[in-house]
Amino acid sequence: MKNSHGKMNRMTRKLKKSHRDTGIQPMTRYLREFKEGDIVHVNIVASEPSGMPHPKYQGKTGKIVGREKNTYIVKIKDGRSDKELKSAAVHLRPE
């Protein structure tokens, strides 16, 4: 059978949680508010697919530059260029 090459291809190891972090996420992570200029870390919660950024940004640090509906716009340095990604609050952690 041919291997899949989808968006989540080979991300099982990268997004795997430790046994202490498994289970339901606390509601405070969903209700967290950020202001423009806050520095955040991208920490993807694989069990919550809505508002998930691309897995290549896992572990990156960026700055909040805006908000669009239920997602935040985060500016991240990717090599020489700056990228803006949209992410839900559950996938962001304050620095």
PDB file of N, CA and C in Angstrom:
ATOM      1  N   MET A   1       0.848  -1.176   0.000  1.00  0.00           N
ATOM      2  CA  MET A   1       0.000   0.000   0.000  1.00  0.00           C
ATOM      3  C   MET A   1       0.894   1.240   0.000  1.00  0.00           C
ATOM      4  N   LYS A   2       0.483   2.234  -0.753  1.00  0.00           N
ATOM      5  CA  LYS A   2       1.236   3.470  -0.871  1.00  0.00           C
ATOM      6  C   LYS A   2       1.147   4.288   0.420  1.00  0.00           C
ATOM      7  N   ASN A   3       2.254   4.908   0.831  1.00  0.00           N
ATOM      8  CA  ASN A   3       2.266   5.721   2.035  1.00  0.00           C
ATOM      9  C   ASN A   3       1.537   7.046   1.813  1.00  0.00           C
ATOM     10  N   SER A   4       0.902   7.515   2.864  1.00  0.00           N
ATOM     11  CA  SER A   4       0.222   8.800   2.812  1.00  0.00           C
ATOM     12  C   SER A   4       1.242   9.927   2.967  1.00  0.00           C
ATOM     13  N   HIS A   5       1.006  11.017   2.278  1.00  0.00           N
ATOM     14  CA  HIS A   5       1.888  12.184   2.383  1.00  0.00           C
ATOM     15  C   HIS A   5       1.070  13.411   2.757  1.00  0.00           C
ATOM     16  N   GLY A   6       0.136  13.247   3.682  1.00  0.00           N
ATOM     17  CA  GLY A   6      -0.739  14.334   4.088  1.00  0.00           C
ATOM     18  C   GLY A   6      -0.057  15.321   5.023  1.00  0.00           C
ATOM     19  N   LYS A   7      -0.853  16.239   5.546  1.00  0.00           N
ATOM     20  CA  LYS A   7      -0.354  17.315   6.408  1.00  0.00           C
ATOM     21  C   LYS A   7       0.274  16.770   7.688  1.00  0.00           C
ATOM     22  N   MET A   8      -0.277  15.699   8.238  1.00  0.00           N
ATOM     23  CA  MET A   8       0.203  15.152   9.507  1.00  0.00           C
ATOM     24  C   MET A   8       1.175  13.991   9.311  1.00  0.00           C
ATOM     25  N   ASN A   9       1.715  13.842   8.105  1.00  0.00           N
ATOM     26  CA  ASN A   9       2.636  12.759   7.813  1.00  0.00           C
ATOM     27  C   ASN A   9       3.891  12.847   8.688  1.00  0.00           C
ATOM     28  N   ARG A  10       4.222  11.769   9.372  1.00  0.00           N
ATOM     29  CA  ARG A  10       5.420  11.636  10.214  1.00  0.00           C
ATOM     30  C   ARG A  10       5.441  12.615  11.394  1.00  0.00           C
ATOM     31  N   MET A  11       4.284  13.007  11.900  1.00  0.00           N
ATOM     32  CA  MET A  11       4.219  13.938  13.016  1.00  0.00           C
ATOM     33  C   MET A  11       3.853  13.260  14.328  1.00  0.00           C
ATOM     34  N   THR A  12       3.674  11.949  14.332  1.00  0.00           N
ATOM     35  CA  THR A  12       3.257  11.251  15.547  1.00  0.00           C
ATOM     36  C   THR A  12       4.269  11.440  16.663  1.00  0.00           C
ATOM     37  N   ARG A  13       5.533  11.280  16.344  1.00  0.00           N
ATOM     38  CA  ARG A  13       6.577  11.403  17.361  1.00  0.00           C
ATOM     39  C   ARG A  13       6.733  12.851  17.826  1.00  0.00           C
ATOM     40  N   LYS A  14       6.605  13.787  16.907  1.00  0.00           N
ATOM     41  CA  LYS A  14       6.819  15.196  17.235  1.00  0.00           C
ATOM     42  C   LYS A  14       5.709  15.755  18.122  1.00  0.00           C
ATOM     43  N   LEU A  15       4.467  15.310  17.921  1.00  0.00           N
ATOM     44  CA  LEU A  15       3.338  15.852  18.655  1.00  0.00           C
ATOM     45  C   LEU A  15       2.905  14.962  19.816  1.00  0.00           C
ATOM     46  N   LYS A  16       3.658  13.909  20.101  1.00  0.00           N
ATOM     47  CA  LYS A  16       3.279  12.978  21.149  1.00  0.00           C
ATOM     48  C   LYS A  16       3.435  13.630  22.521  1.00  0.00           C
ATOM     49  N   LYS A  17       2.453  13.402  23.402  1.00  0.00           N
ATOM     50  CA  LYS A  17       2.495  13.935  24.755  1.00  0.00           C
ATOM     51  C   LYS A  17       3.152  12.923  25.683  1.00  0.00           C
ATOM     52  N   SER A  18       3.647  13.410  26.803  1.00  0.00           N
ATOM     53  CA  SER A  18       4.118  12.492  27.830  1.00  0.00           C
ATOM     54  C   SER A  18       2.894  11.915  28.541  1.00  0.00           C
ATOM     55  N   HIS A  19       3.079  10.837  29.263  1.00  0.00           N
ATOM     56  CA  HIS A  19       1.934  10.198  29.914  1.00  0.00           C
ATOM     57  C   HIS A  19       1.309  11.082  30.986  1.00  0.00           C
ATOM     58  N   ARG A  20       2.026  12.083  31.484  1.00  0.00           N
ATOM     59  CA  ARG A  20       1.478  12.987  32.500  1.00  0.00           C
ATOM     60  C   ARG A  20       0.584  14.060  31.898  1.00  0.00           C
ATOM     61  N   ASP A  21       0.750  14.335  30.609  1.00  0.00           N
ATOM     62  CA  ASP A  21      -0.004  15.407  29.960  1.00  0.00           C
ATOM     63  C   ASP A  21      -1.214  14.903  29.186  1.00  0.00           C
ATOM     64  N   THR A  22      -1.475  13.595  29.175  1.00  0.00           N
ATOM     65  CA  THR A  22      -2.597  13.068  28.419  1.00  0.00           C
ATOM     66  C   THR A  22      -3.911  13.395  29.119  1.00  0.00           C
ATOM     67  N   GLY A  23      -4.992  13.300  28.373  1.00  0.00           N
ATOM     68  CA  GLY A  23      -6.306  13.563  28.946  1.00  0.00           C
ATOM     69  C   GLY A  23      -6.899  14.856  28.427  1.00  0.00           C
ATOM     70  N   ILE A  24      -7.955  15.288  29.058  1.00  0.00           N
ATOM     71  CA  ILE A  24      -8.672  16.481  28.638  1.00  0.00           C
ATOM     72  C   ILE A  24      -7.879  17.729  29.024  1.00  0.00           C
ATOM     73  N   GLN A  25      -7.855  18.702  28.111  1.00  0.00           N
ATOM     74  CA  GLN A  25      -7.178  19.971  28.373  1.00  0.00           C
ATOM     75  C   GLN A  25      -8.006  20.811  29.340  1.00  0.00           C
ATOM     76  N   PRO A  26      -7.370  21.551  30.246  1.00  0.00           N
ATOM     77  CA  PRO A  26      -8.118  22.432  31.145  1.00  0.00           C
ATOM     78  C   PRO A  26      -8.803  23.559  30.366  1.00  0.00           C
ATOM     79  N   MET A  27      -9.940  24.007  30.850  1.00  0.00           N
ATOM     80  CA  MET A  27     -10.696  25.063  30.169  1.00  0.00           C
ATOM     81  C   MET A  27      -9.933  26.379  30.114  1.00  0.00           C
ATOM     82  N   THR A  28      -8.996  26.590  31.045  1.00  0.00           N
ATOM     83  CA  THR A  28      -8.245  27.845  31.041  1.00  0.00           C
ATOM     84  C   THR A  28      -7.396  27.988  29.783  1.00  0.00           C
ATOM     85  N   ARG A  29      -6.993  26.893  29.169  1.00  0.00           N
ATOM     86  CA  ARG A  29      -6.203  26.978  27.939  1.00  0.00           C
ATOM     87  C   ARG A  29      -7.056  27.438  26.763  1.00  0.00           C
ATOM     88  N   TYR A  30      -8.341  27.100  26.775  1.00  0.00           N
ATOM     89  CA  TYR A  30      -9.235  27.528  25.705  1.00  0.00           C
ATOM     90  C   TYR A  30      -9.658  28.979  25.887  1.00  0.00           C
ATOM     91  N   LEU A  31      -9.746  29.435  27.125  1.00  0.00           N
ATOM     92  CA  LEU A  31     -10.239  30.777  27.418  1.00  0.00           C
ATOM     93  C   LEU A  31      -9.134  31.804  27.595  1.00  0.00           C
ATOM     94  N   ARG A  32      -7.898  31.421  27.358  1.00  0.00           N
ATOM     95  CA  ARG A  32      -6.756  32.310  27.560  1.00  0.00           C
ATOM     96  C   ARG A  32      -6.813  33.475  26.580  1.00  0.00           C
ATOM     97  N   GLU A  33      -6.506  34.663  27.071  1.00  0.00           N
ATOM     98  CA  GLU A  33      -6.504  35.884  26.258  1.00  0.00           C
ATOM     99  C   GLU A  33      -5.075  36.389  26.107  1.00  0.00           C
ATOM    100  N   PHE A  34      -4.742  36.870  24.923  1.00  0.00           N
ATOM    101  CA  PHE A  34      -3.438  37.465  24.656  1.00  0.00           C
ATOM    102  C   PHE A  34      -3.641  38.867  24.108  1.00  0.00           C
ATOM    103  N   LYS A  35      -2.664  39.736  24.345  1.00  0.00           N
ATOM    104  CA  LYS A  35      -2.695  41.094  23.822  1.00  0.00           C
ATOM    105  C   LYS A  35      -1.671  41.203  22.706  1.00  0.00           C
ATOM    106  N   GLU A  36      -1.823  42.245  21.893  1.00  0.00           N
ATOM    107  CA  GLU A  36      -0.838  42.476  20.838  1.00  0.00           C
ATOM    108  C   GLU A  36       0.507  42.793  21.471  1.00  0.00           C
ATOM    109  N   GLY A  37       1.552  42.181  20.956  1.00  0.00           N
ATOM    110  CA  GLY A  37       2.890  42.391  21.494  1.00  0.00           C
ATOM    111  C   GLY A  37       3.338  41.315  22.465  1.00  0.00           C
ATOM    112  N   ASP A  38       2.413  40.448  22.913  1.00  0.00           N
ATOM    113  CA  ASP A  38       2.804  39.352  23.809  1.00  0.00           C
ATOM    114  C   ASP A  38       3.654  38.341  23.056  1.00  0.00           C
ATOM    115  N   ILE A  39       4.643  37.793  23.744  1.00  0.00           N
ATOM    116  CA  ILE A  39       5.496  36.757  23.164  1.00  0.00           C
ATOM    117  C   ILE A  39       4.953  35.407  23.599  1.00  0.00           C
ATOM    118  N   VAL A  40       4.756  34.514  22.620  1.00  0.00           N
ATOM    119  CA  VAL A  40       4.153  33.213  22.893  1.00  0.00           C
ATOM    120  C   VAL A  40       4.975  32.100  22.241  1.00  0.00           C
ATOM    121  N   HIS A  41       4.827  30.889  22.787  1.00  0.00           N
ATOM    122  CA  HIS A  41       5.414  29.690  22.214  1.00  0.00           C
ATOM    123  C   HIS A  41       4.300  28.899  21.544  1.00  0.00           C
ATOM    124  N   VAL A  42       4.586  28.321  20.387  1.00  0.00           N
ATOM    125  CA  VAL A  42       3.619  27.460  19.709  1.00  0.00           C
ATOM    126  C   VAL A  42       3.804  26.051  20.248  1.00  0.00           C
ATOM    127  N   ASN A  43       2.784  25.542  20.918  1.00  0.00           N
ATOM    128  CA  ASN A  43       2.808  24.200  21.483  1.00  0.00           C
ATOM    129  C   ASN A  43       1.516  23.514  21.058  1.00  0.00           C
ATOM    130  N   ILE A  44       1.586  22.715  20.002  1.00  0.00           N
ATOM    131  CA  ILE A  44       0.397  22.148  19.379  1.00  0.00           C
ATOM    132  C   ILE A  44      -0.204  21.055  20.247  1.00  0.00           C
ATOM    133  N   VAL A  45      -1.526  21.137  20.422  1.00  0.00           N
ATOM    134  CA  VAL A  45      -2.291  20.101  21.104  1.00  0.00           C
ATOM    135  C   VAL A  45      -2.962  19.285  20.003  1.00  0.00           C
ATOM    136  N   ALA A  46      -2.451  18.078  19.760  1.00  0.00           N
ATOM    137  CA  ALA A  46      -2.914  17.276  18.631  1.00  0.00           C
ATOM    138  C   ALA A  46      -4.355  16.816  18.786  1.00  0.00           C
ATOM    139  N   SER A  47      -4.859  16.759  20.010  1.00  0.00           N
ATOM    140  CA  SER A  47      -6.232  16.315  20.223  1.00  0.00           C
ATOM    141  C   SER A  47      -7.253  17.399  19.892  1.00  0.00           C
ATOM    142  N   GLU A  48      -6.806  18.615  19.603  1.00  0.00           N
ATOM    143  CA  GLU A  48      -7.694  19.725  19.262  1.00  0.00           C
ATOM    144  C   GLU A  48      -7.327  20.236  17.868  1.00  0.00           C
ATOM    145  N   PRO A  49      -7.959  19.687  16.803  1.00  0.00           N
ATOM    146  CA  PRO A  49      -7.547  20.043  15.449  1.00  0.00           C
ATOM    147  C   PRO A  49      -7.986  21.428  14.983  1.00  0.00           C
ATOM    148  N   SER A  50      -8.988  22.041  15.621  1.00  0.00           N
ATOM    149  CA  SER A  50      -9.450  23.346  15.149  1.00  0.00           C
ATOM    150  C   SER A  50      -8.454  24.431  15.536  1.00  0.00           C
ATOM    151  N   GLY A  51      -8.101  25.242  14.555  1.00  0.00           N
ATOM    152  CA  GLY A  51      -7.161  26.333  14.794  1.00  0.00           C
ATOM    153  C   GLY A  51      -5.733  25.876  14.968  1.00  0.00           C
ATOM    154  N   MET A  52      -5.412  24.677  14.476  1.00  0.00           N
ATOM    155  CA  MET A  52      -4.060  24.132  14.631  1.00  0.00           C
ATOM    156  C   MET A  52      -3.134  24.698  13.553  1.00  0.00           C
ATOM    157  N   PRO A  53      -1.980  25.258  13.937  1.00  0.00           N
ATOM    158  CA  PRO A  53      -1.018  25.692  12.928  1.00  0.00           C
ATOM    159  C   PRO A  53      -0.309  24.489  12.313  1.00  0.00           C
ATOM    160  N   HIS A  54       0.452  24.713  11.276  1.00  0.00           N
ATOM    161  CA  HIS A  54       1.189  23.621  10.634  1.00  0.00           C
ATOM    162  C   HIS A  54       2.194  23.042  11.623  1.00  0.00           C
ATOM    163  N   PRO A  55       2.362  21.729  11.660  1.00  0.00           N
ATOM    164  CA  PRO A  55       3.252  21.114  12.650  1.00  0.00           C
ATOM    165  C   PRO A  55       4.722  21.524  12.553  1.00  0.00           C
ATOM    166  N   LYS A  56       5.142  22.112  11.427  1.00  0.00           N
ATOM    167  CA  LYS A  56       6.545  22.534  11.352  1.00  0.00           C
ATOM    168  C   LYS A  56       6.843  23.713  12.274  1.00  0.00           C
ATOM    169  N   TYR A  57       5.796  24.388  12.770  1.00  0.00           N
ATOM    170  CA  TYR A  57       5.983  25.507  13.687  1.00  0.00           C
ATOM    171  C   TYR A  57       5.967  25.076  15.154  1.00  0.00           C
ATOM    172  N   GLN A  58       5.893  23.782  15.436  1.00  0.00           N
ATOM    173  CA  GLN A  58       5.905  23.266  16.806  1.00  0.00           C
ATOM    174  C   GLN A  58       7.190  23.692  17.510  1.00  0.00           C
ATOM    175  N   GLY A  59       7.054  24.332  18.664  1.00  0.00           N
ATOM    176  CA  GLY A  59       8.204  24.755  19.453  1.00  0.00           C
ATOM    177  C   GLY A  59       8.756  26.114  19.094  1.00  0.00           C
ATOM    178  N   LYS A  60       8.220  26.779  18.093  1.00  0.00           N
ATOM    179  CA  LYS A  60       8.715  28.101  17.692  1.00  0.00           C
ATOM    180  C   LYS A  60       8.151  29.174  18.617  1.00  0.00           C
ATOM    181  N   THR A  61       8.857  30.292  18.684  1.00  0.00           N
ATOM    182  CA  THR A  61       8.446  31.427  19.504  1.00  0.00           C
ATOM    183  C   THR A  61       8.157  32.611  18.594  1.00  0.00           C
ATOM    184  N   GLY A  62       7.069  33.319  18.884  1.00  0.00           N
ATOM    185  CA  GLY A  62       6.702  34.463  18.066  1.00  0.00           C
ATOM    186  C   GLY A  62       5.993  35.527  18.876  1.00  0.00           C
ATOM    187  N   LYS A  63       5.531  36.549  18.156  1.00  0.00           N
ATOM    188  CA  LYS A  63       4.878  37.687  18.791  1.00  0.00           C
ATOM    189  C   LYS A  63       3.468  37.838  18.224  1.00  0.00           C
ATOM    190  N   ILE A  64       2.507  38.109  19.101  1.00  0.00           N
ATOM    191  CA  ILE A  64       1.124  38.326  18.682  1.00  0.00           C
ATOM    192  C   ILE A  64       1.032  39.679  17.971  1.00  0.00           C
ATOM    193  N   VAL A  65       0.516  39.662  16.732  1.00  0.00           N
ATOM    194  CA  VAL A  65       0.383  40.911  15.991  1.00  0.00           C
ATOM    195  C   VAL A  65      -1.070  41.272  15.725  1.00  0.00           C
ATOM    196  N   GLY A  66      -1.993  40.371  16.015  1.00  0.00           N
ATOM    197  CA  GLY A  66      -3.393  40.695  15.788  1.00  0.00           C
ATOM    198  C   GLY A  66      -4.305  39.540  16.175  1.00  0.00           C
ATOM    199  N   ARG A  67      -5.597  39.784  15.953  1.00  0.00           N
ATOM    200  CA  ARG A  67      -6.586  38.765  16.261  1.00  0.00           C
ATOM    201  C   ARG A  67      -7.622  38.752  15.151  1.00  0.00           C
ATOM    202  N   GLU A  68      -8.075  37.558  14.789  1.00  0.00           N
ATOM    203  CA  GLU A  68      -9.082  37.413  13.760  1.00  0.00           C
ATOM    204  C   GLU A  68     -10.093  36.368  14.217  1.00  0.00           C
ATOM    205  N   LYS A  69     -11.270  36.795  14.595  1.00  0.00           N
ATOM    206  CA  LYS A  69     -12.320  35.946  15.146  1.00  0.00           C
ATOM    207  C   LYS A  69     -11.801  35.200  16.378  1.00  0.00           C
ATOM    208  N   ASN A  70     -11.713  33.865  16.326  1.00  0.00           N
ATOM    209  CA  ASN A  70     -11.272  33.088  17.486  1.00  0.00           C
ATOM    210  C   ASN A  70      -9.797  32.730  17.436  1.00  0.00           C
ATOM    211  N   THR A  71      -9.071  33.235  16.458  1.00  0.00           N
ATOM    212  CA  THR A  71      -7.655  32.882  16.324  1.00  0.00           C
ATOM    213  C   THR A  71      -6.777  34.117  16.500  1.00  0.00           C
ATOM    214  N   TYR A  72      -5.530  33.853  16.825  1.00  0.00           N
ATOM    215  CA  TYR A  72      -4.526  34.909  16.955  1.00  0.00           C
ATOM    216  C   TYR A  72      -3.558  34.822  15.792  1.00  0.00           C
ATOM    217  N   ILE A  73      -3.058  35.973  15.362  1.00  0.00           N
ATOM    218  CA  ILE A  73      -2.060  36.019  14.299  1.00  0.00           C
ATOM    219  C   ILE A  73      -0.707  36.192  14.968  1.00  0.00           C
ATOM    220  N   VAL A  74       0.183  35.234  14.729  1.00  0.00           N
ATOM    221  CA  VAL A  74       1.495  35.198  15.366  1.00  0.00           C
ATOM    222  C   VAL A  74       2.556  35.390  14.300  1.00  0.00           C
ATOM    223  N   LYS A  75       3.477  36.325  14.539  1.00  0.00           N
ATOM    224  CA  LYS A  75       4.581  36.573  13.612  1.00  0.00           C
ATOM    225  C   LYS A  75       5.785  35.767  14.077  1.00  0.00           C
ATOM    226  N   ILE A  76       6.293  34.898  13.190  1.00  0.00           N
ATOM    227  CA  ILE A  76       7.385  33.980  13.528  1.00  0.00           C
ATOM    228  C   ILE A  76       8.509  34.142  12.515  1.00  0.00           C
ATOM    229  N   LYS A  77       9.728  34.091  12.995  1.00  0.00           N
ATOM    230  CA  LYS A  77      10.896  34.149  12.129  1.00  0.00           C
ATOM    231  C   LYS A  77      11.174  32.746  11.612  1.00  0.00           C
ATOM    232  N   ASP A  78      11.165  32.564  10.286  1.00  0.00           N
ATOM    233  CA  ASP A  78      11.414  31.269   9.661  1.00  0.00           C
ATOM    234  C   ASP A  78      12.580  31.437   8.694  1.00  0.00           C
ATOM    235  N   GLY A  79      13.780  31.153   9.191  1.00  0.00           N
ATOM    236  CA  GLY A  79      14.971  31.403   8.383  1.00  0.00           C
ATOM    237  C   GLY A  79      15.200  32.900   8.280  1.00  0.00           C
ATOM    238  N   ARG A  80      15.263  33.414   7.055  1.00  0.00           N
ATOM    239  CA  ARG A  80      15.450  34.851   6.857  1.00  0.00           C
ATOM    240  C   ARG A  80      14.141  35.614   6.791  1.00  0.00           C
ATOM    241  N   SER A  81      13.048  34.905   6.537  1.00  0.00           N
ATOM    242  CA  SER A  81      11.772  35.592   6.336  1.00  0.00           C
ATOM    243  C   SER A  81      10.889  35.519   7.576  1.00  0.00           C
ATOM    244  N   ASP A  82       9.975  36.473   7.666  1.00  0.00           N
ATOM    245  CA  ASP A  82       8.981  36.484   8.733  1.00  0.00           C
ATOM    246  C   ASP A  82       7.699  35.872   8.202  1.00  0.00           C
ATOM    247  N   LYS A  83       7.092  35.006   8.985  1.00  0.00           N
ATOM    248  CA  LYS A  83       5.839  34.367   8.598  1.00  0.00           C
ATOM    249  C   LYS A  83       4.769  34.735   9.602  1.00  0.00           C
ATOM    250  N   GLU A  84       3.546  34.828   9.134  1.00  0.00           N
ATOM    251  CA  GLU A  84       2.401  35.048  10.008  1.00  0.00           C
ATOM    252  C   GLU A  84       1.531  33.803   9.948  1.00  0.00           C
ATOM    253  N   LEU A  85       1.241  33.243  11.110  1.00  0.00           N
ATOM    254  CA  LEU A  85       0.384  32.075  11.143  1.00  0.00           C
ATOM    255  C   LEU A  85      -0.785  32.339  12.064  1.00  0.00           C
ATOM    256  N   LYS A  86      -1.891  31.689  11.763  1.00  0.00           N
ATOM    257  CA  LYS A  86      -3.101  31.832  12.569  1.00  0.00           C
ATOM    258  C   LYS A  86      -3.216  30.607  13.449  1.00  0.00           C
ATOM    259  N   SER A  87      -3.492  30.844  14.717  1.00  0.00           N
ATOM    260  CA  SER A  87      -3.559  29.751  15.667  1.00  0.00           C
ATOM    261  C   SER A  87      -4.579  30.056  16.753  1.00  0.00           C
ATOM    262  N   ALA A  88      -5.262  29.007  17.207  1.00  0.00           N
ATOM    263  CA  ALA A  88      -6.191  29.147  18.324  1.00  0.00           C
ATOM    264  C   ALA A  88      -5.391  29.273  19.623  1.00  0.00           C
ATOM    265  N   ALA A  89      -6.032  29.785  20.656  1.00  0.00           N
ATOM    266  CA  ALA A  89      -5.348  30.042  21.929  1.00  0.00           C
ATOM    267  C   ALA A  89      -4.878  28.765  22.608  1.00  0.00           C
ATOM    268  N   VAL A  90      -5.541  27.640  22.343  1.00  0.00           N
ATOM    269  CA  VAL A  90      -5.156  26.391  23.001  1.00  0.00           C
ATOM    270  C   VAL A  90      -3.781  25.917  22.527  1.00  0.00           C
ATOM    271  N   HIS A  91      -3.338  26.343  21.346  1.00  0.00           N
ATOM    272  CA  HIS A  91      -2.049  25.942  20.798  1.00  0.00           C
ATOM    273  C   HIS A  91      -0.935  26.926  21.127  1.00  0.00           C
ATOM    274  N   LEU A  92      -1.235  27.949  21.926  1.00  0.00           N
ATOM    275  CA  LEU A  92      -0.243  28.966  22.284  1.00  0.00           C
ATOM    276  C   LEU A  92      -0.026  28.962  23.801  1.00  0.00           C
ATOM    277  N   ARG A  93       1.213  29.173  24.200  1.00  0.00           N
ATOM    278  CA  ARG A  93       1.551  29.276  25.615  1.00  0.00           C
ATOM    279  C   ARG A  93       2.308  30.583  25.826  1.00  0.00           C
ATOM    280  N   PRO A  94       2.000  31.311  26.900  1.00  0.00           N
ATOM    281  CA  PRO A  94       2.744  32.554  27.157  1.00  0.00           C
ATOM    282  C   PRO A  94       4.185  32.244  27.531  1.00  0.00           C
ATOM    283  N   GLU A  95       5.081  33.175  27.194  1.00  0.00           N
ATOM    284  CA  GLU A  95       6.500  32.978  27.502  1.00  0.00           C
ATOM    285  C   GLU A  95       6.759  33.127  28.981  1.00  0.00           C
TER     286      GLU A  95
END
